[in-house]
Amino acid sequence: MTAYLDKKFINMVSPQLERFKWKKDDLANCRCPLCGDSQKNKTKARGFFFKKNNDYFFKCHNCGVGHNISKFLELISPVLANEYSLERWRNKQEIATSVPIEVEKIPTTHSIRLPQISTLNPDHPARQYLTNRKIKLLDMFYYTTKFGDWVRSLDSTYNTLANDERIVIPFFDKAGNMIAAQGRALSNSSSIRYITVKFRKEGRIIFGEDRVDYSKRVYAVEGPFDSIFLDNGIALAGCELADATRLFSDCVIVYDNEPRNSEMVSRIESAIDKGYPVCVWPSEISEKDINEMILVGKTPQEIRGIIDHCSCSGLTAKMKFSKWRVR
């Protein structure tokens, strides 16, 4: 239904778009109304509407802007944007009232019932762990002495988890539902540093989904702690990072900088072979991940600048990757 609605409103706004035409059933082309496209050649049309999963997006290959249809309409035709929002709401209401479904019970923010790291004493091991990693957003994370019991209080199917103390990293969706959580062990004797539990059994599990801006570039990184240092950073749980490229119109995959890790090398190579944009870290970066870069003095702005500069795909990515993997 979403794709049908998107296409309907693309056609409705098309009279306002120069050189608009459908090139394929799910691909339309026009001059970009946001940057004006080429001023020298009025026949050039570098704006494209394309379908990804069950949604359409707009992307300009001149100015690089990318938006979902809702945001595009807001910028081009506020009147149509209001109609679009209203029709989407009506469709959701019709589905909710006409299709009897069993609603999966998912915990919310209020279900956590654990102390935030920010409320712990400065010398508490959990708070010291995050402080030592220069993580300042302490309100985002929680602490428990019995991780297994806490998880079972929300989902009784997790009946084999051990009761050790852990930092709790909650994953929220846009509606504020806690769809998953990770427990980071504090004890070095723990055989499993990170344990991930899912409260929503189906669908994608993204750390940062509640904060991500779909109209901007998204940075998909390996872990939640790394993601919070990047504006519009996310981390995926239980699936390959490359899957994020199917969810956002402008997404860069940022793998850890570990050329001697055979699994990491294989994953990056696979992503490049599929044509996905990836960050290939330059030779002057020796740290293995974003958090380590922060610890040696780099700022989040510097790191994002490096990622943007080193992001590539296709033949360029293959050439850079071949040099990176033998460092």
C-alpha atoms as a PDB file:
ATOM      1  CA  MET A   1       0.000   0.000   0.000  1.00  0.00           C
ATOM      2  CA  THR A   2       2.855   2.437   0.776  1.00  0.00           C
ATOM      3  CA  ALA A   3       4.472   2.037  -2.662  1.00  0.00           C
ATOM      4  CA  TYR A   4       1.089   2.549  -4.375  1.00  0.00           C
ATOM      5  CA  LEU A   5       0.483   5.708  -2.356  1.00  0.00           C
ATOM      6  CA  ASP A   6       3.994   7.047  -2.995  1.00  0.00           C
ATOM      7  CA  LYS A   7       3.632   6.527  -6.731  1.00  0.00           C
ATOM      8  CA  LYS A   8       0.222   8.169  -6.735  1.00  0.00           C
ATOM      9  CA  PHE A   9       1.622  11.345  -5.176  1.00  0.00           C
ATOM     10  CA  ILE A  10       4.701  11.317  -7.399  1.00  0.00           C
ATOM     11  CA  ASN A  11       2.304  11.504 -10.339  1.00  0.00           C
ATOM     12  CA  MET A  12       0.313  14.236  -8.610  1.00  0.00           C
ATOM     13  CA  VAL A  13       3.398  16.420  -8.111  1.00  0.00           C
ATOM     14  CA  SER A  14       4.884  15.588 -11.537  1.00  0.00           C
ATOM     15  CA  PRO A  15       3.341  18.630 -13.364  1.00  0.00           C
ATOM     16  CA  GLN A  16       5.636  20.781 -11.191  1.00  0.00           C
ATOM     17  CA  LEU A  17       8.740  18.828 -12.252  1.00  0.00           C
ATOM     18  CA  GLU A  18      10.654  19.670 -15.444  1.00  0.00           C
ATOM     19  CA  ARG A  19      11.266  16.833 -17.914  1.00  0.00           C
ATOM     20  CA  PHE A  20       9.427  14.335 -15.726  1.00  0.00           C
ATOM     21  CA  LYS A  21       8.866  10.858 -17.121  1.00  0.00           C
ATOM     22  CA  TRP A  22       8.642   7.260 -15.988  1.00  0.00           C
ATOM     23  CA  LYS A  23      11.649   5.365 -17.381  1.00  0.00           C
ATOM     24  CA  LYS A  24      10.484   2.064 -15.886  1.00  0.00           C
ATOM     25  CA  ASP A  25       7.499   0.953 -13.874  1.00  0.00           C
ATOM     26  CA  ASP A  26       9.346   1.755 -10.638  1.00  0.00           C
ATOM     27  CA  LEU A  27      11.834   4.419 -11.818  1.00  0.00           C
ATOM     28  CA  ALA A  28      11.027   8.031 -12.739  1.00  0.00           C
ATOM     29  CA  ASN A  29      13.321  10.840 -13.866  1.00  0.00           C
ATOM     30  CA  CYS A  30      13.167  14.656 -13.783  1.00  0.00           C
ATOM     31  CA  ARG A  31      15.279  17.769 -13.373  1.00  0.00           C
ATOM     32  CA  CYS A  32      15.995  18.266  -9.685  1.00  0.00           C
ATOM     33  CA  PRO A  33      13.647  20.969  -8.343  1.00  0.00           C
ATOM     34  CA  LEU A  34      15.812  21.403  -5.235  1.00  0.00           C
ATOM     35  CA  CYS A  35      19.118  22.440  -6.826  1.00  0.00           C
ATOM     36  CA  GLY A  36      17.803  23.389 -10.266  1.00  0.00           C
ATOM     37  CA  ASP A  37      19.984  20.736 -11.909  1.00  0.00           C
ATOM     38  CA  SER A  38      22.422  21.806 -14.643  1.00  0.00           C
ATOM     39  CA  GLN A  39      22.257  25.497 -15.493  1.00  0.00           C
ATOM     40  CA  LYS A  40      24.372  25.038 -18.634  1.00  0.00           C
ATOM     41  CA  ASN A  41      22.438  22.155 -20.130  1.00  0.00           C
ATOM     42  CA  LYS A  42      18.665  22.412 -19.666  1.00  0.00           C
ATOM     43  CA  THR A  43      18.151  18.925 -21.089  1.00  0.00           C
ATOM     44  CA  LYS A  44      19.972  17.239 -18.236  1.00  0.00           C
ATOM     45  CA  ALA A  45      17.696  15.531 -15.708  1.00  0.00           C
ATOM     46  CA  ARG A  46      19.540  14.032 -12.741  1.00  0.00           C
ATOM     47  CA  GLY A  47      16.725  13.643 -10.255  1.00  0.00           C
ATOM     48  CA  PHE A  48      15.330  10.133  -9.803  1.00  0.00           C
ATOM     49  CA  PHE A  49      12.399   8.536  -8.001  1.00  0.00           C
ATOM     50  CA  PHE A  50      13.163   4.910  -7.241  1.00  0.00           C
ATOM     51  CA  LYS A  51      11.537   2.100  -5.308  1.00  0.00           C
ATOM     52  CA  LYS A  52      13.307   0.451  -2.393  1.00  0.00           C
ATOM     53  CA  ASN A  53      11.441  -2.342  -0.607  1.00  0.00           C
ATOM     54  CA  ASN A  54       7.878  -0.981  -0.386  1.00  0.00           C
ATOM     55  CA  ASP A  55       8.673   2.736  -0.499  1.00  0.00           C
ATOM     56  CA  TYR A  56       9.763   5.304  -3.066  1.00  0.00           C
ATOM     57  CA  PHE A  57      12.617   7.775  -2.567  1.00  0.00           C
ATOM     58  CA  PHE A  58      13.971  10.799  -4.434  1.00  0.00           C
ATOM     59  CA  LYS A  59      17.698  11.129  -5.159  1.00  0.00           C
ATOM     60  CA  CYS A  60      19.537  13.828  -7.113  1.00  0.00           C
ATOM     61  CA  HIS A  61      22.831  12.844  -8.710  1.00  0.00           C
ATOM     62  CA  ASN A  62      23.775  16.503  -9.112  1.00  0.00           C
ATOM     63  CA  CYS A  63      23.413  17.916  -5.580  1.00  0.00           C
ATOM     64  CA  GLY A  64      23.388  14.531  -3.826  1.00  0.00           C
ATOM     65  CA  VAL A  65      20.218  15.186  -1.814  1.00  0.00           C
ATOM     66  CA  GLY A  66      18.057  12.192  -0.883  1.00  0.00           C
ATOM     67  CA  HIS A  67      14.563  12.236   0.626  1.00  0.00           C
ATOM     68  CA  ASN A  68      11.621   9.961   1.203  1.00  0.00           C
ATOM     69  CA  ILE A  69       8.404  11.032  -0.536  1.00  0.00           C
ATOM     70  CA  SER A  70       6.972  12.718   2.534  1.00  0.00           C
ATOM     71  CA  LYS A  71       9.977  15.019   2.940  1.00  0.00           C
ATOM     72  CA  PHE A  72      10.180  15.665  -0.811  1.00  0.00           C
ATOM     73  CA  LEU A  73       6.563  16.802  -0.885  1.00  0.00           C
ATOM     74  CA  GLU A  74       7.122  19.055   2.130  1.00  0.00           C
ATOM     75  CA  LEU A  75       9.824  20.887   0.178  1.00  0.00           C
ATOM     76  CA  ILE A  76       8.056  21.024  -3.191  1.00  0.00           C
ATOM     77  CA  SER A  77       4.328  21.150  -2.419  1.00  0.00           C
ATOM     78  CA  PRO A  78       3.202  21.589   1.209  1.00  0.00           C
ATOM     79  CA  VAL A  79      -0.428  21.188   0.162  1.00  0.00           C
ATOM     80  CA  LEU A  80       0.255  17.762  -1.360  1.00  0.00           C
ATOM     81  CA  ALA A  81       2.407  16.895   1.658  1.00  0.00           C
ATOM     82  CA  ASN A  82      -0.576  17.444   3.952  1.00  0.00           C
ATOM     83  CA  GLU A  83      -2.822  15.335   1.705  1.00  0.00           C
ATOM     84  CA  TYR A  84      -0.178  12.602   1.604  1.00  0.00           C
ATOM     85  CA  SER A  85       0.124  12.512   5.417  1.00  0.00           C
ATOM     86  CA  LEU A  86      -3.651  12.406   5.809  1.00  0.00           C
ATOM     87  CA  GLU A  87      -4.053   9.573   3.286  1.00  0.00           C
ATOM     88  CA  ARG A  88      -1.297   7.526   4.921  1.00  0.00           C
ATOM     89  CA  TRP A  89      -3.025   7.965   8.267  1.00  0.00           C
ATOM     90  CA  ARG A  90      -6.357   6.874   6.780  1.00  0.00           C
ATOM     91  CA  ASN A  91      -4.775   3.771   5.264  1.00  0.00           C
ATOM     92  CA  LYS A  92      -3.267   2.811   8.614  1.00  0.00           C
ATOM     93  CA  GLN A  93      -6.638   3.279  10.296  1.00  0.00           C
ATOM     94  CA  GLU A  94      -8.373   1.101   7.695  1.00  0.00           C
ATOM     95  CA  ILE A  95      -5.818  -1.668   8.159  1.00  0.00           C
ATOM     96  CA  ALA A  96      -6.066  -1.474  11.937  1.00  0.00           C
ATOM     97  CA  THR A  97      -9.862  -1.714  11.934  1.00  0.00           C
ATOM     98  CA  SER A  98     -10.329  -4.228   9.141  1.00  0.00           C
ATOM     99  CA  VAL A  99      -7.611  -6.812   9.799  1.00  0.00           C
ATOM    100  CA  PRO A 100      -7.853  -8.682  13.110  1.00  0.00           C
ATOM    101  CA  ILE A 101      -4.294  -9.312  14.274  1.00  0.00           C
ATOM    102  CA  GLU A 102      -2.737 -10.441  17.477  1.00  0.00           C
ATOM    103  CA  VAL A 103      -0.656  -7.535  18.766  1.00  0.00           C
ATOM    104  CA  GLU A 104       2.786  -8.536  19.966  1.00  0.00           C
ATOM    105  CA  LYS A 105       3.441  -7.168  23.448  1.00  0.00           C
ATOM    106  CA  ILE A 106       6.601  -5.085  23.292  1.00  0.00           C
ATOM    107  CA  PRO A 107       8.106  -3.295  26.304  1.00  0.00           C
ATOM    108  CA  THR A 108       8.281   0.504  26.332  1.00  0.00           C
ATOM    109  CA  THR A 109      10.701   2.948  27.934  1.00  0.00           C
ATOM    110  CA  HIS A 110       8.732   2.747  31.167  1.00  0.00           C
ATOM    111  CA  SER A 111       9.261  -1.026  31.310  1.00  0.00           C
ATOM    112  CA  ILE A 112      13.002  -0.789  31.905  1.00  0.00           C
ATOM    113  CA  ARG A 113      12.798  -0.153  35.666  1.00  0.00           C
ATOM    114  CA  LEU A 114      16.583   0.009  36.038  1.00  0.00           C
ATOM    115  CA  PRO A 115      18.867   2.833  37.197  1.00  0.00           C
ATOM    116  CA  GLN A 116      20.329   4.994  34.453  1.00  0.00           C
ATOM    117  CA  ILE A 117      24.111   5.060  34.388  1.00  0.00           C
ATOM    118  CA  SER A 118      23.965   8.822  34.996  1.00  0.00           C
ATOM    119  CA  THR A 119      22.387   8.213  38.424  1.00  0.00           C
ATOM    120  CA  LEU A 120      25.203   5.951  39.633  1.00  0.00           C
ATOM    121  CA  ASN A 121      28.091   7.209  41.763  1.00  0.00           C
ATOM    122  CA  PRO A 122      31.051   8.481  39.716  1.00  0.00           C
ATOM    123  CA  ASP A 123      33.201   5.623  41.057  1.00  0.00           C
ATOM    124  CA  HIS A 124      30.677   2.908  40.131  1.00  0.00           C
ATOM    125  CA  PRO A 125      32.303   0.359  37.751  1.00  0.00           C
ATOM    126  CA  ALA A 126      29.520   0.707  35.147  1.00  0.00           C
ATOM    127  CA  ARG A 127      29.774   4.496  35.091  1.00  0.00           C
ATOM    128  CA  GLN A 128      33.564   4.387  35.070  1.00  0.00           C
ATOM    129  CA  TYR A 129      33.513   1.990  32.116  1.00  0.00           C
ATOM    130  CA  LEU A 130      31.517   4.428  29.963  1.00  0.00           C
ATOM    131  CA  THR A 131      33.395   7.475  31.236  1.00  0.00           C
ATOM    132  CA  ASN A 132      36.728   5.857  30.417  1.00  0.00           C
ATOM    133  CA  ARG A 133      35.463   5.317  26.870  1.00  0.00           C
ATOM    134  CA  LYS A 134      34.530   9.036  26.711  1.00  0.00           C
ATOM    135  CA  ILE A 135      30.847   8.207  26.324  1.00  0.00           C
ATOM    136  CA  LYS A 136      28.935  11.238  27.599  1.00  0.00           C
ATOM    137  CA  LEU A 137      25.303  10.264  26.910  1.00  0.00           C
ATOM    138  CA  LEU A 138      24.960   8.326  30.158  1.00  0.00           C
ATOM    139  CA  ASP A 139      21.171   8.732  30.277  1.00  0.00           C
ATOM    140  CA  MET A 140      20.872   6.373  27.293  1.00  0.00           C
ATOM    141  CA  PHE A 141      22.222   3.361  29.199  1.00  0.00           C
ATOM    142  CA  TYR A 142      21.195   1.400  32.294  1.00  0.00           C
ATOM    143  CA  TYR A 143      22.678  -0.955  34.863  1.00  0.00           C
ATOM    144  CA  THR A 144      21.544  -4.263  36.342  1.00  0.00           C
ATOM    145  CA  THR A 145      23.133  -6.713  38.748  1.00  0.00           C
ATOM    146  CA  LYS A 146      21.004  -9.582  37.400  1.00  0.00           C
ATOM    147  CA  PHE A 147      20.694  -9.359  33.640  1.00  0.00           C
ATOM    148  CA  GLY A 148      18.896 -12.692  33.243  1.00  0.00           C
ATOM    149  CA  ASP A 149      16.185 -11.856  35.785  1.00  0.00           C
ATOM    150  CA  TRP A 150      15.651  -8.431  34.234  1.00  0.00           C
ATOM    151  CA  VAL A 151      15.178  -9.891  30.740  1.00  0.00           C
ATOM    152  CA  ARG A 152      12.802 -12.589  32.022  1.00  0.00           C
ATOM    153  CA  SER A 153      10.683  -9.919  33.731  1.00  0.00           C
ATOM    154  CA  LEU A 154       9.946  -8.656  30.208  1.00  0.00           C
ATOM    155  CA  ASP A 155      10.038 -11.904  28.205  1.00  0.00           C
ATOM    156  CA  SER A 156       9.802 -15.252  29.978  1.00  0.00           C
ATOM    157  CA  THR A 157      11.072 -17.184  26.935  1.00  0.00           C
ATOM    158  CA  TYR A 158      14.651 -16.219  27.804  1.00  0.00           C
ATOM    159  CA  ASN A 159      14.941 -18.848  30.527  1.00  0.00           C
ATOM    160  CA  THR A 160      18.634 -19.727  30.185  1.00  0.00           C
ATOM    161  CA  LEU A 161      20.326 -16.342  30.574  1.00  0.00           C
ATOM    162  CA  ALA A 162      22.780 -16.116  33.444  1.00  0.00           C
ATOM    163  CA  ASN A 163      22.446 -13.541  36.202  1.00  0.00           C
ATOM    164  CA  ASP A 164      25.527 -11.358  35.940  1.00  0.00           C
ATOM    165  CA  GLU A 165      25.916  -7.596  36.187  1.00  0.00           C
ATOM    166  CA  ARG A 166      25.798  -5.765  32.885  1.00  0.00           C
ATOM    167  CA  ILE A 167      25.341  -2.380  31.280  1.00  0.00           C
ATOM    168  CA  VAL A 168      22.006  -2.452  29.461  1.00  0.00           C
ATOM    169  CA  ILE A 169      21.813  -0.897  26.002  1.00  0.00           C
ATOM    170  CA  PRO A 170      18.141  -0.563  24.966  1.00  0.00           C
ATOM    171  CA  PHE A 171      16.993  -0.415  21.319  1.00  0.00           C
ATOM    172  CA  PHE A 172      13.869   1.690  20.681  1.00  0.00           C
ATOM    173  CA  ASP A 173      11.721   2.077  17.577  1.00  0.00           C
ATOM    174  CA  LYS A 174      10.130   5.346  16.450  1.00  0.00           C
ATOM    175  CA  ALA A 175       7.112   4.752  18.708  1.00  0.00           C
ATOM    176  CA  GLY A 176       9.241   4.343  21.839  1.00  0.00           C
ATOM    177  CA  ASN A 177       8.885   0.566  22.037  1.00  0.00           C
ATOM    178  CA  MET A 178      11.917  -1.274  23.368  1.00  0.00           C
ATOM    179  CA  ILE A 179      12.399  -3.787  20.560  1.00  0.00           C
ATOM    180  CA  ALA A 180      15.682  -5.244  21.816  1.00  0.00           C
ATOM    181  CA  ALA A 181      18.467  -4.803  24.346  1.00  0.00           C
ATOM    182  CA  GLN A 182      22.122  -5.652  24.673  1.00  0.00           C
ATOM    183  CA  GLY A 183      23.862  -6.476  27.919  1.00  0.00           C
ATOM    184  CA  ARG A 184      27.544  -5.530  28.097  1.00  0.00           C
ATOM    185  CA  ALA A 185      29.422  -7.570  30.707  1.00  0.00           C
ATOM    186  CA  LEU A 186      31.478  -5.695  33.292  1.00  0.00           C
ATOM    187  CA  SER A 187      33.436  -8.715  34.459  1.00  0.00           C
ATOM    188  CA  ASN A 188      36.451  -9.778  32.421  1.00  0.00           C
ATOM    189  CA  SER A 189      35.707 -13.368  33.425  1.00  0.00           C
ATOM    190  CA  SER A 190      32.477 -13.392  31.411  1.00  0.00           C
ATOM    191  CA  SER A 191      32.726 -15.637  28.365  1.00  0.00           C
ATOM    192  CA  ILE A 192      30.236 -13.465  26.423  1.00  0.00           C
ATOM    193  CA  ARG A 193      30.915  -9.734  26.387  1.00  0.00           C
ATOM    194  CA  TYR A 194      27.669  -8.796  24.648  1.00  0.00           C
ATOM    195  CA  ILE A 195      24.311 -10.569  24.889  1.00  0.00           C
ATOM    196  CA  THR A 196      21.503  -9.430  22.586  1.00  0.00           C
ATOM    197  CA  VAL A 197      17.852 -10.168  23.327  1.00  0.00           C
ATOM    198  CA  LYS A 198      14.958  -9.311  21.038  1.00  0.00           C
ATOM    199  CA  PHE A 199      11.541  -8.293  22.312  1.00  0.00           C
ATOM    200  CA  ARG A 200      10.205  -7.807  18.778  1.00  0.00           C
ATOM    201  CA  LYS A 201      10.700 -11.160  17.095  1.00  0.00           C
ATOM    202  CA  GLU A 202      10.175 -10.019  13.504  1.00  0.00           C
ATOM    203  CA  GLY A 203      11.563  -7.126  11.499  1.00  0.00           C
ATOM    204  CA  ARG A 204      14.744  -5.117  11.666  1.00  0.00           C
ATOM    205  CA  ILE A 205      16.483  -4.334  14.941  1.00  0.00           C
ATOM    206  CA  ILE A 206      18.311  -1.006  14.770  1.00  0.00           C
ATOM    207  CA  PHE A 207      20.018   0.909  17.551  1.00  0.00           C
ATOM    208  CA  GLY A 208      19.220   4.547  16.872  1.00  0.00           C
ATOM    209  CA  GLU A 209      15.974   3.967  14.960  1.00  0.00           C
ATOM    210  CA  ASP A 210      14.229   6.329  17.394  1.00  0.00           C
ATOM    211  CA  ARG A 211      16.667   9.133  16.505  1.00  0.00           C
ATOM    212  CA  VAL A 212      17.555   8.576  12.845  1.00  0.00           C
ATOM    213  CA  ASP A 213      16.707  11.256  10.262  1.00  0.00           C
ATOM    214  CA  TYR A 214      15.767   9.517   6.997  1.00  0.00           C
ATOM    215  CA  SER A 215      16.398  12.702   4.988  1.00  0.00           C
ATOM    216  CA  LYS A 216      20.108  12.804   5.893  1.00  0.00           C
ATOM    217  CA  ARG A 217      23.055  10.497   5.310  1.00  0.00           C
ATOM    218  CA  VAL A 218      22.971   7.519   7.658  1.00  0.00           C
ATOM    219  CA  TYR A 219      26.126   5.897   9.025  1.00  0.00           C
ATOM    220  CA  ALA A 220      25.732   2.180   9.779  1.00  0.00           C
ATOM    221  CA  VAL A 221      28.480   1.054  12.182  1.00  0.00           C
ATOM    222  CA  GLU A 222      29.373  -2.108  14.062  1.00  0.00           C
ATOM    223  CA  GLY A 223      28.208  -1.293  17.597  1.00  0.00           C
ATOM    224  CA  PRO A 224      25.869   1.022  19.550  1.00  0.00           C
ATOM    225  CA  PHE A 225      28.706   2.725  21.432  1.00  0.00           C
ATOM    226  CA  ASP A 226      30.434   3.655  18.160  1.00  0.00           C
ATOM    227  CA  SER A 227      27.177   4.887  16.627  1.00  0.00           C
ATOM    228  CA  ILE A 228      26.523   7.576  19.240  1.00  0.00           C
ATOM    229  CA  PHE A 229      29.670   9.454  18.228  1.00  0.00           C
ATOM    230  CA  LEU A 230      28.260  10.041  14.730  1.00  0.00           C
ATOM    231  CA  ASP A 231      25.398  12.340  13.863  1.00  0.00           C
ATOM    232  CA  ASN A 232      22.745  10.020  12.386  1.00  0.00           C
ATOM    233  CA  GLY A 233      24.710   6.919  13.316  1.00  0.00           C
ATOM    234  CA  ILE A 234      22.991   3.548  13.733  1.00  0.00           C
ATOM    235  CA  ALA A 235      23.969  -0.016  14.591  1.00  0.00           C
ATOM    236  CA  LEU A 236      22.208  -3.212  13.536  1.00  0.00           C
ATOM    237  CA  ALA A 237      21.650  -6.260  15.720  1.00  0.00           C
ATOM    238  CA  GLY A 238      21.304  -9.751  14.347  1.00  0.00           C
ATOM    239  CA  CYS A 239      21.904  -8.934  10.686  1.00  0.00           C
ATOM    240  CA  GLU A 240      24.622  -7.816   8.315  1.00  0.00           C
ATOM    241  CA  LEU A 241      25.450  -4.097   8.178  1.00  0.00           C
ATOM    242  CA  ALA A 242      24.883  -4.095   4.420  1.00  0.00           C
ATOM    243  CA  ASP A 243      21.163  -4.630   5.086  1.00  0.00           C
ATOM    244  CA  ALA A 244      20.992  -0.994   6.194  1.00  0.00           C
ATOM    245  CA  THR A 245      21.473   0.185   2.609  1.00  0.00           C
ATOM    246  CA  ARG A 246      18.025  -1.187   1.764  1.00  0.00           C
ATOM    247  CA  LEU A 247      16.391   0.924   4.459  1.00  0.00           C
ATOM    248  CA  PHE A 248      17.800   4.384   3.743  1.00  0.00           C
ATOM    249  CA  SER A 249      18.222   6.384   0.542  1.00  0.00           C
ATOM    250  CA  ASP A 250      21.712   7.565   1.557  1.00  0.00           C
ATOM    251  CA  CYS A 251      23.607   5.137   3.768  1.00  0.00           C
ATOM    252  CA  VAL A 252      27.320   4.425   4.207  1.00  0.00           C
ATOM    253  CA  ILE A 253      28.483   1.156   5.760  1.00  0.00           C
ATOM    254  CA  VAL A 254      31.294   1.741   8.254  1.00  0.00           C
ATOM    255  CA  TYR A 255      33.024  -1.504   9.185  1.00  0.00           C
ATOM    256  CA  ASP A 256      35.724  -1.717  11.842  1.00  0.00           C
ATOM    257  CA  ASN A 257      39.288  -1.041  10.726  1.00  0.00           C
ATOM    258  CA  GLU A 258      40.601  -4.605  11.090  1.00  0.00           C
ATOM    259  CA  PRO A 259      42.426  -5.735   7.915  1.00  0.00           C
ATOM    260  CA  ARG A 260      43.852  -8.785   9.740  1.00  0.00           C
ATOM    261  CA  ASN A 261      40.398 -10.018  10.726  1.00  0.00           C
ATOM    262  CA  SER A 262      39.453 -12.546   8.027  1.00  0.00           C
ATOM    263  CA  GLU A 263      35.729 -12.351   8.830  1.00  0.00           C
ATOM    264  CA  MET A 264      35.770  -8.554   8.586  1.00  0.00           C
ATOM    265  CA  VAL A 265      37.667  -8.691   5.303  1.00  0.00           C
ATOM    266  CA  SER A 266      35.131 -11.127   3.887  1.00  0.00           C
ATOM    267  CA  ARG A 267      32.170  -8.972   4.914  1.00  0.00           C
ATOM    268  CA  ILE A 268      33.628  -5.804   3.418  1.00  0.00           C
ATOM    269  CA  GLU A 269      34.508  -7.586   0.194  1.00  0.00           C
ATOM    270  CA  SER A 270      30.978  -8.974  -0.060  1.00  0.00           C
ATOM    271  CA  ALA A 271      29.449  -5.517   0.458  1.00  0.00           C
ATOM    272  CA  ILE A 272      31.684  -4.003  -2.222  1.00  0.00           C
ATOM    273  CA  ASP A 273      30.867  -6.811  -4.674  1.00  0.00           C
ATOM    274  CA  LYS A 274      27.173  -6.017  -4.188  1.00  0.00           C
ATOM    275  CA  GLY A 275      27.787  -2.376  -5.043  1.00  0.00           C
ATOM    276  CA  TYR A 276      27.134  -0.934  -1.577  1.00  0.00           C
ATOM    277  CA  PRO A 277      28.898   2.271  -0.466  1.00  0.00           C
ATOM    278  CA  VAL A 278      31.479   1.500   2.226  1.00  0.00           C
ATOM    279  CA  CYS A 279      34.118   3.406   4.163  1.00  0.00           C
ATOM    280  CA  VAL A 280      37.609   2.100   3.398  1.00  0.00           C
ATOM    281  CA  TRP A 281      39.775   3.489   6.183  1.00  0.00           C
ATOM    282  CA  PRO A 282      42.948   5.299   5.042  1.00  0.00           C
ATOM    283  CA  SER A 283      46.440   4.075   5.992  1.00  0.00           C
ATOM    284  CA  GLU A 284      46.979   6.850   8.551  1.00  0.00           C
ATOM    285  CA  ILE A 285      44.145   5.459  10.688  1.00  0.00           C
ATOM    286  CA  SER A 286      45.493   2.663  12.904  1.00  0.00           C
ATOM    287  CA  GLU A 287      42.660   2.484  15.459  1.00  0.00           C
ATOM    288  CA  LYS A 288      40.284  -0.443  15.021  1.00  0.00           C
ATOM    289  CA  ASP A 289      36.995   1.391  15.607  1.00  0.00           C
ATOM    290  CA  ILE A 290      35.410   4.800  16.113  1.00  0.00           C
ATOM    291  CA  ASN A 291      35.570   4.672  19.903  1.00  0.00           C
ATOM    292  CA  GLU A 292      39.325   4.075  19.777  1.00  0.00           C
ATOM    293  CA  MET A 293      39.670   7.067  17.446  1.00  0.00           C
ATOM    294  CA  ILE A 294      37.837   9.178  20.024  1.00  0.00           C
ATOM    295  CA  LEU A 295      40.158   7.905  22.767  1.00  0.00           C
ATOM    296  CA  VAL A 296      43.268   9.034  20.877  1.00  0.00           C
ATOM    297  CA  GLY A 297      41.888  12.547  20.497  1.00  0.00           C
ATOM    298  CA  LYS A 298      39.915  12.690  17.261  1.00  0.00           C
ATOM    299  CA  THR A 299      36.613  14.565  17.374  1.00  0.00           C
ATOM    300  CA  PRO A 300      33.304  13.177  16.069  1.00  0.00           C
ATOM    301  CA  GLN A 301      33.373  15.869  13.365  1.00  0.00           C
ATOM    302  CA  GLU A 302      36.858  14.788  12.236  1.00  0.00           C
ATOM    303  CA  ILE A 303      35.826  11.142  12.110  1.00  0.00           C
ATOM    304  CA  ARG A 304      32.689  11.883  10.113  1.00  0.00           C
ATOM    305  CA  GLY A 305      34.794  13.941   7.698  1.00  0.00           C
ATOM    306  CA  ILE A 306      37.177  11.005   7.229  1.00  0.00           C
ATOM    307  CA  ILE A 307      34.262   8.634   6.616  1.00  0.00           C
ATOM    308  CA  ASP A 308      32.656  10.949   4.058  1.00  0.00           C
ATOM    309  CA  HIS A 309      35.978  11.386   2.277  1.00  0.00           C
ATOM    310  CA  CYS A 310      36.757   7.656   2.259  1.00  0.00           C
ATOM    311  CA  SER A 311      33.288   6.386   1.323  1.00  0.00           C
ATOM    312  CA  CYS A 312      33.162   4.789  -2.106  1.00  0.00           C
ATOM    313  CA  SER A 313      31.673   1.970  -4.127  1.00  0.00           C
ATOM    314  CA  GLY A 314      32.302  -0.005  -7.306  1.00  0.00           C
ATOM    315  CA  LEU A 315      35.757  -0.028  -8.862  1.00  0.00           C
ATOM    316  CA  THR A 316      37.092   2.728  -6.597  1.00  0.00           C
ATOM    317  CA  ALA A 317      36.099   0.736  -3.502  1.00  0.00           C
ATOM    318  CA  LYS A 318      37.737  -2.414  -4.889  1.00  0.00           C
ATOM    319  CA  MET A 319      41.008  -0.597  -5.549  1.00  0.00           C
ATOM    320  CA  LYS A 320      41.115   0.978  -2.079  1.00  0.00           C
ATOM    321  CA  PHE A 321      40.068  -2.280  -0.435  1.00  0.00           C
ATOM    322  CA  SER A 322      42.877  -4.219  -2.130  1.00  0.00           C
ATOM    323  CA  LYS A 323      45.406  -1.850  -0.539  1.00  0.00           C
ATOM    324  CA  TRP A 324      43.664  -1.771   2.836  1.00  0.00           C
ATOM    325  CA  ARG A 325      43.556  -5.547   3.291  1.00  0.00           C
ATOM    326  CA  VAL A 326      47.356  -5.964   2.982  1.00  0.00           C
ATOM    327  CA  ARG A 327      48.307  -3.262   5.470  1.00  0.00           C
END
